[in-house]
Amino acid sequence: MSAEDFGRVGLLLGGESSEREISIKSGRAVAAALRNRGVEVVEIGEKGDIVAGVLSAGIDRAFIALHGRFGEDGRIQAFLATRRIPYTGSGVEASRLAMDKAASRRRFESAGLRVPPWREYGPEEPIPEPPWPWPVVVKPCCEGSSIGLSVVSSPGDFKKACRLARRHDERIILEEFISGTELTVAILEDSALPVVEIVPGSMYFDFEAKYVKGKSRFIVPARIGEEATRKVQAAALAAHRALGCRAYSRVDVILGHDGIPYILEINTIPGFTENSLYPMAARAAGIDFEGLCLKLLRVAAL
């Protein structure tokens, strides 16, 4: 498939979610990579309304680099499907499930996968102190990039953490903190790429640790041994399939000290910035950034 066969590609970036700035960085990087390979690209969403931009741009395909709400929750996917515009990444239902941490956890558990013990609390529902030992994790139900997430080590910080999470979503998740090795697994066309080990500079892999260069170390392949690597890759691929994801995703996993891979969440549109983990895993598999972007565009579907 040549660059001309893609037609005019709409690179959707920016948007209005709390992850807007990361989306712009991802989108610009992808746009530059595709242009270097001769693809005609029009960037949509950094300025102005995305839907209006798509309607006026006359695009033949869409590369979605939107993070967070409207990008990863199935809504932009549903809009593109109604316009019969093929788009990158997962479909409507898989995107919706992956964005909703409670819904995805239920699906993982139904598939026999392990997740950290957790509880969901709805709007204005009283939140008792968690039944697990400190620390515990408090997070919004539908956010990404660790926005609104806290790891709470004492009862004194617990209510503050719950208020922070509820500023980002009326529904919140409490989760037992699993001590172990933090990992992420890139899935590409139903295969697991080399596992990336995350060594955060702080207690956990928060927004700053993810996007500020030098705040964390990333080791690929992860230093967990061949048997554990196979186990983690198999669990990540099973999670990807359990939600019905397609083409690509990135699955975040904790390998507990008990040797069990615990699924944390799936990113259906992982970051594509210079520090991003998905392109890092692809490079370890021998796929350069431009080739990766072309591959994802090639398998775009309705």
Protein backbone atom coordinates (compact mmCIF):
# COMPACT_ATOMS: atom_id res chain seq x y z
CA MET A 1 0.00 0.00 0.00
CA SER A 2 1.64 3.25 -1.17
CA ALA A 3 1.35 6.66 0.48
CA GLU A 4 -1.04 7.76 -2.28
CA ASP A 5 -3.39 4.87 -1.47
CA PHE A 6 -4.14 6.37 1.95
CA GLY A 7 -5.66 9.44 0.35
CA ARG A 8 -5.99 12.48 2.59
CA VAL A 9 -5.38 11.55 6.22
CA GLY A 10 -6.92 13.53 9.05
CA LEU A 11 -4.62 13.58 12.08
CA LEU A 12 -6.97 14.16 15.04
CA LEU A 13 -5.19 15.80 17.96
CA GLY A 14 -5.72 18.24 20.80
CA GLY A 15 -9.35 18.14 21.76
CA GLU A 16 -10.69 19.44 25.07
CA SER A 17 -9.75 16.71 27.55
CA SER A 18 -7.30 17.10 30.43
CA GLU A 19 -4.74 15.32 28.23
CA ARG A 20 -4.90 17.93 25.45
CA GLU A 21 -1.24 18.99 25.57
CA ILE A 22 0.03 15.41 25.43
CA SER A 23 -2.33 14.73 22.54
CA ILE A 24 -0.91 17.68 20.61
CA LYS A 25 2.64 16.39 21.12
CA SER A 26 1.63 12.89 20.03
CA GLY A 27 -0.28 14.16 17.02
CA ARG A 28 2.50 16.41 15.78
CA ALA A 29 5.01 13.57 16.03
CA VAL A 30 2.76 11.20 14.07
CA ALA A 31 1.96 13.85 11.45
CA ALA A 32 5.65 14.51 10.85
CA ALA A 33 6.39 10.78 10.57
CA LEU A 34 3.61 10.22 8.02
CA ARG A 35 4.62 13.25 5.96
CA ASN A 36 8.18 11.97 5.88
CA ARG A 37 6.78 8.84 4.22
CA GLY A 38 4.88 10.89 1.62
CA VAL A 39 1.39 10.74 3.17
CA GLU A 40 -0.87 13.76 2.77
CA VAL A 41 -1.83 14.81 6.30
CA VAL A 42 -4.14 17.52 7.59
CA GLU A 43 -4.07 18.19 11.33
CA ILE A 44 -7.50 18.62 12.91
CA GLY A 45 -8.34 19.67 16.45
CA GLU A 46 -5.49 21.78 17.74
CA LYS A 47 -7.61 24.79 16.87
CA GLY A 48 -11.34 24.67 16.36
CA ASP A 49 -13.91 21.93 16.72
CA ILE A 50 -12.83 18.43 15.73
CA VAL A 51 -16.17 17.33 14.31
CA ALA A 52 -16.47 20.48 12.19
CA GLY A 53 -12.86 20.02 11.08
CA VAL A 54 -13.47 16.46 9.95
CA LEU A 55 -16.63 17.48 8.06
CA SER A 56 -14.85 20.29 6.22
CA ALA A 57 -11.49 18.62 5.53
CA GLY A 58 -12.64 15.90 3.13
CA ILE A 59 -10.47 13.19 4.64
CA ASP A 60 -10.26 9.57 3.51
CA ARG A 61 -8.82 8.14 6.75
CA ALA A 62 -8.35 9.30 10.31
CA PHE A 63 -5.38 8.75 12.56
CA ILE A 64 -6.66 9.32 16.10
CA ALA A 65 -4.10 10.85 18.45
CA LEU A 66 -6.72 12.15 20.90
CA HIS A 67 -6.20 11.11 24.51
CA GLY A 68 -8.85 11.04 27.21
CA ARG A 69 -12.51 11.89 26.82
CA PHE A 70 -13.91 12.09 23.28
CA GLY A 71 -10.74 10.48 21.95
CA GLU A 72 -10.60 7.19 23.83
CA ASP A 73 -14.18 6.74 25.05
CA GLY A 74 -15.77 5.65 21.77
CA ARG A 75 -17.45 8.91 20.80
CA ILE A 76 -15.08 10.05 18.06
CA GLN A 77 -14.98 6.45 16.82
CA ALA A 78 -18.79 6.39 16.56
CA PHE A 79 -18.80 9.70 14.68
CA LEU A 80 -16.18 8.53 12.18
CA ALA A 81 -18.05 5.26 11.66
CA THR A 82 -21.26 7.14 10.78
CA ARG A 83 -19.28 9.09 8.17
CA ARG A 84 -17.75 5.83 6.83
CA ILE A 85 -14.22 7.11 7.51
CA PRO A 86 -11.76 4.34 8.47
CA TYR A 87 -9.86 5.19 11.66
CA THR A 88 -6.91 3.85 13.61
CA GLY A 89 -7.23 1.83 16.80
CA SER A 90 -10.08 0.09 18.54
CA GLY A 91 -13.77 0.31 17.76
CA VAL A 92 -16.57 2.02 19.64
CA GLU A 93 -17.35 -0.58 22.30
CA ALA A 94 -13.76 -1.56 23.08
CA SER A 95 -12.82 2.10 23.42
CA ARG A 96 -15.73 2.76 25.77
CA LEU A 97 -14.86 -0.25 27.92
CA ALA A 98 -11.15 0.58 28.15
CA MET A 99 -11.86 4.18 29.20
CA ASP A 100 -14.14 3.02 32.02
CA LYS A 101 -11.91 1.43 34.68
CA ALA A 102 -14.84 -0.25 36.45
CA ALA A 103 -16.35 -1.73 33.29
CA SER A 104 -12.96 -2.94 32.03
CA ARG A 105 -12.11 -4.54 35.37
CA ARG A 106 -15.35 -6.50 35.32
CA ARG A 107 -14.54 -7.72 31.83
CA PHE A 108 -11.00 -8.69 32.87
CA GLU A 109 -12.31 -10.63 35.85
CA SER A 110 -14.88 -12.41 33.67
CA ALA A 111 -12.00 -13.49 31.41
CA GLY A 112 -10.17 -15.00 34.39
CA LEU A 113 -7.53 -12.27 34.59
CA ARG A 114 -6.23 -10.91 37.89
CA VAL A 115 -6.74 -7.27 38.84
CA PRO A 116 -5.92 -5.58 42.15
CA PRO A 117 -8.81 -5.78 44.66
CA TRP A 118 -10.99 -2.74 44.02
CA ARG A 119 -14.24 -0.91 44.80
CA GLU A 120 -16.27 1.56 42.74
CA TYR A 121 -18.15 4.50 44.29
CA GLY A 122 -20.78 6.49 42.43
CA PRO A 123 -21.68 10.20 42.55
CA GLU A 124 -22.00 11.50 46.14
CA GLU A 125 -21.85 7.94 47.50
CA PRO A 126 -20.15 7.93 50.93
CA ILE A 127 -16.66 6.46 50.76
CA PRO A 128 -15.54 4.50 53.81
CA GLU A 129 -11.89 3.92 54.57
CA PRO A 130 -10.68 1.04 52.41
CA PRO A 131 -10.56 -2.51 53.73
CA TRP A 132 -6.91 -3.00 52.70
CA PRO A 133 -3.73 -1.94 54.44
CA TRP A 134 -2.17 1.40 53.48
CA PRO A 135 -1.12 2.53 50.94
CA VAL A 136 -4.18 2.45 48.68
CA VAL A 137 -4.80 3.88 45.22
CA VAL A 138 -7.58 6.43 44.58
CA LYS A 139 -8.39 7.30 40.97
CA PRO A 140 -11.16 8.69 38.75
CA CYS A 141 -13.09 6.00 36.93
CA CYS A 142 -12.67 7.55 33.48
CA GLU A 143 -9.36 9.40 33.17
CA GLY A 144 -5.96 8.68 31.73
CA SER A 145 -2.31 9.66 32.20
CA SER A 146 -2.68 9.21 36.00
CA ILE A 147 -4.68 12.45 36.15
CA GLY A 148 -6.50 12.69 39.48
CA LEU A 149 -4.74 9.59 40.80
CA SER A 150 -3.26 9.41 44.31
CA VAL A 151 -1.41 6.75 46.23
CA VAL A 152 -2.49 7.36 49.83
CA SER A 153 -0.28 6.20 52.68
CA SER A 154 -2.33 7.34 55.66
CA PRO A 155 -5.96 8.07 56.67
CA GLY A 156 -5.15 11.78 56.93
CA ASP A 157 -4.72 12.11 53.15
CA PHE A 158 -7.56 9.82 52.16
CA LYS A 159 -10.45 12.31 51.98
CA LYS A 160 -8.28 14.81 50.13
CA ALA A 161 -7.42 12.15 47.54
CA CYS A 162 -11.10 11.26 47.09
CA ARG A 163 -11.98 14.93 46.53
CA LEU A 164 -9.23 15.23 43.94
CA ALA A 165 -10.43 12.15 42.06
CA ARG A 166 -14.04 13.41 42.10
CA ARG A 167 -12.98 16.70 40.56
CA HIS A 168 -12.18 14.66 37.44
CA ASP A 169 -15.05 12.15 37.54
CA GLU A 170 -18.15 11.63 39.69
CA ARG A 171 -17.32 7.92 39.83
CA ILE A 172 -14.10 6.90 41.52
CA ILE A 173 -12.15 3.70 42.11
CA LEU A 174 -10.37 2.58 45.26
CA GLU A 175 -7.76 -0.08 44.69
CA GLU A 176 -5.37 -2.07 46.81
CA PHE A 177 -1.78 -1.05 46.15
CA ILE A 178 0.09 -4.03 44.71
CA SER A 179 3.79 -3.99 45.38
CA GLY A 180 5.88 -5.35 42.55
CA THR A 181 7.46 -4.48 39.21
CA GLU A 182 5.64 -1.94 37.08
CA LEU A 183 5.43 -3.03 33.45
CA THR A 184 3.70 -2.12 30.24
CA VAL A 185 3.05 -4.33 27.22
CA ALA A 186 2.44 -2.96 23.73
CA ILE A 187 0.07 -5.05 21.62
CA LEU A 188 0.40 -4.77 17.85
CA GLU A 189 -1.88 -6.72 15.51
CA ASP A 190 -2.65 -9.39 18.12
CA SER A 191 0.95 -9.92 19.18
CA ALA A 192 2.72 -8.74 22.32
CA LEU A 193 5.88 -6.68 21.81
CA PRO A 194 8.86 -6.71 24.22
CA VAL A 195 7.85 -5.84 27.79
CA VAL A 196 8.93 -2.43 29.09
CA GLU A 197 9.90 -2.12 32.75
CA ILE A 198 9.09 1.22 34.39
CA VAL A 199 11.30 2.51 37.20
CA PRO A 200 9.63 5.72 38.40
CA GLY A 201 11.67 8.34 40.19
CA SER A 202 8.90 8.75 42.76
CA MET A 203 6.65 6.27 44.55
CA TYR A 204 4.51 5.62 41.49
CA PHE A 205 4.28 6.37 37.78
CA ASP A 206 2.33 9.66 37.93
CA PHE A 207 1.74 12.31 35.25
CA GLU A 208 5.11 13.98 35.82
CA ALA A 209 6.95 10.66 35.82
CA LYS A 210 5.27 9.77 32.51
CA TYR A 211 5.92 12.95 30.57
CA VAL A 212 8.90 14.81 32.08
CA LYS A 213 12.12 13.53 30.56
CA GLY A 214 14.47 12.04 33.10
CA LYS A 215 11.85 11.54 35.82
CA SER A 216 11.67 7.79 35.20
CA ARG A 217 13.82 5.04 33.74
CA PHE A 218 12.52 2.58 31.18
CA ILE A 219 14.17 -0.78 30.60
CA VAL A 220 13.36 -2.93 27.60
CA PRO A 221 13.30 -5.84 27.67
CA ALA A 222 12.15 -5.90 31.28
CA ARG A 223 14.43 -7.61 33.80
CA ILE A 224 11.92 -10.25 34.86
CA GLY A 225 13.17 -13.42 33.21
CA GLU A 226 11.81 -15.41 30.28
CA GLU A 227 9.08 -17.28 32.13
CA ALA A 228 7.64 -14.15 33.76
CA THR A 229 7.90 -12.31 30.44
CA ARG A 230 5.80 -14.95 28.70
CA LYS A 231 3.26 -14.87 31.52
CA VAL A 232 2.97 -11.08 31.45
CA GLN A 233 2.69 -10.94 27.64
CA ALA A 234 0.01 -13.64 27.67
CA ALA A 235 -2.01 -11.78 30.32
CA ALA A 236 -1.72 -8.49 28.42
CA LEU A 237 -2.81 -10.07 25.15
CA ALA A 238 -5.74 -11.76 26.93
CA ALA A 239 -6.78 -8.38 28.37
CA HIS A 240 -6.59 -6.77 24.90
CA ARG A 241 -8.81 -9.54 23.52
CA ALA A 242 -11.20 -9.46 26.49
CA LEU A 243 -12.22 -5.90 25.64
CA GLY A 244 -12.33 -6.61 21.91
CA CYS A 245 -9.51 -4.19 21.11
CA ARG A 246 -8.11 -4.18 17.60
CA ALA A 247 -4.88 -3.18 15.84
CA TYR A 248 -3.00 -1.88 18.87
CA SER A 249 -3.13 -1.01 22.55
CA ARG A 250 -0.84 -0.70 25.54
CA VAL A 251 -1.60 -2.75 28.64
CA ASP A 252 -0.31 -1.61 32.04
CA VAL A 253 0.58 -4.46 34.41
CA ILE A 254 2.03 -4.94 37.87
CA LEU A 255 4.01 -8.14 38.31
CA GLY A 256 3.38 -8.77 41.99
CA HIS A 257 5.95 -10.19 44.36
CA ASP A 258 3.70 -13.28 44.31
CA GLY A 259 4.58 -13.75 40.62
CA ILE A 260 1.06 -12.89 39.43
CA PRO A 261 0.54 -10.32 36.63
CA TYR A 262 -2.18 -7.89 37.75
CA ILE A 263 -3.87 -5.95 34.93
CA LEU A 264 -4.20 -2.25 35.75
CA GLU A 265 -5.71 -0.80 32.57
CA ILE A 266 -5.61 -0.71 28.79
CA ASN A 267 -4.69 2.40 26.81
CA THR A 268 -6.39 2.15 23.42
CA ILE A 269 -4.63 5.31 22.21
CA PRO A 270 -1.27 5.32 24.00
CA GLY A 271 1.04 8.30 23.85
CA PHE A 272 3.29 8.87 20.85
CA THR A 273 5.57 11.56 22.30
CA GLU A 274 9.37 11.32 22.40
CA ASN A 275 9.16 9.70 25.85
CA SER A 276 6.26 7.38 25.03
CA LEU A 277 6.39 3.71 25.87
CA TYR A 278 4.56 2.25 22.89
CA PRO A 279 7.11 3.47 20.28
CA MET A 280 9.87 2.35 22.67
CA ALA A 281 8.54 -1.21 22.67
CA ALA A 282 8.14 -1.13 18.90
CA ARG A 283 11.77 -0.05 18.45
CA ALA A 284 12.83 -2.98 20.60
CA ALA A 285 10.92 -5.21 18.17
CA GLY A 286 12.74 -3.66 15.19
CA ILE A 287 9.94 -1.28 14.10
CA ASP A 288 10.97 2.34 13.70
CA PHE A 289 8.59 5.20 14.50
CA GLU A 290 7.70 6.07 10.90
CA GLY A 291 7.13 2.42 10.05
CA LEU A 292 4.93 2.01 13.12
CA CYS A 293 2.74 4.99 12.18
CA LEU A 294 2.36 3.67 8.63
CA LYS A 295 1.46 0.21 9.93
CA LEU A 296 -1.28 1.59 12.18
CA LEU A 297 -2.66 3.70 9.35
CA ARG A 298 -2.60 0.71 7.00
CA VAL A 299 -4.87 -1.36 9.29
CA ALA A 300 -7.33 1.49 9.95
CA ALA A 301 -10.90 0.24 9.79
CA LEU A 302 -14.52 1.20 10.48
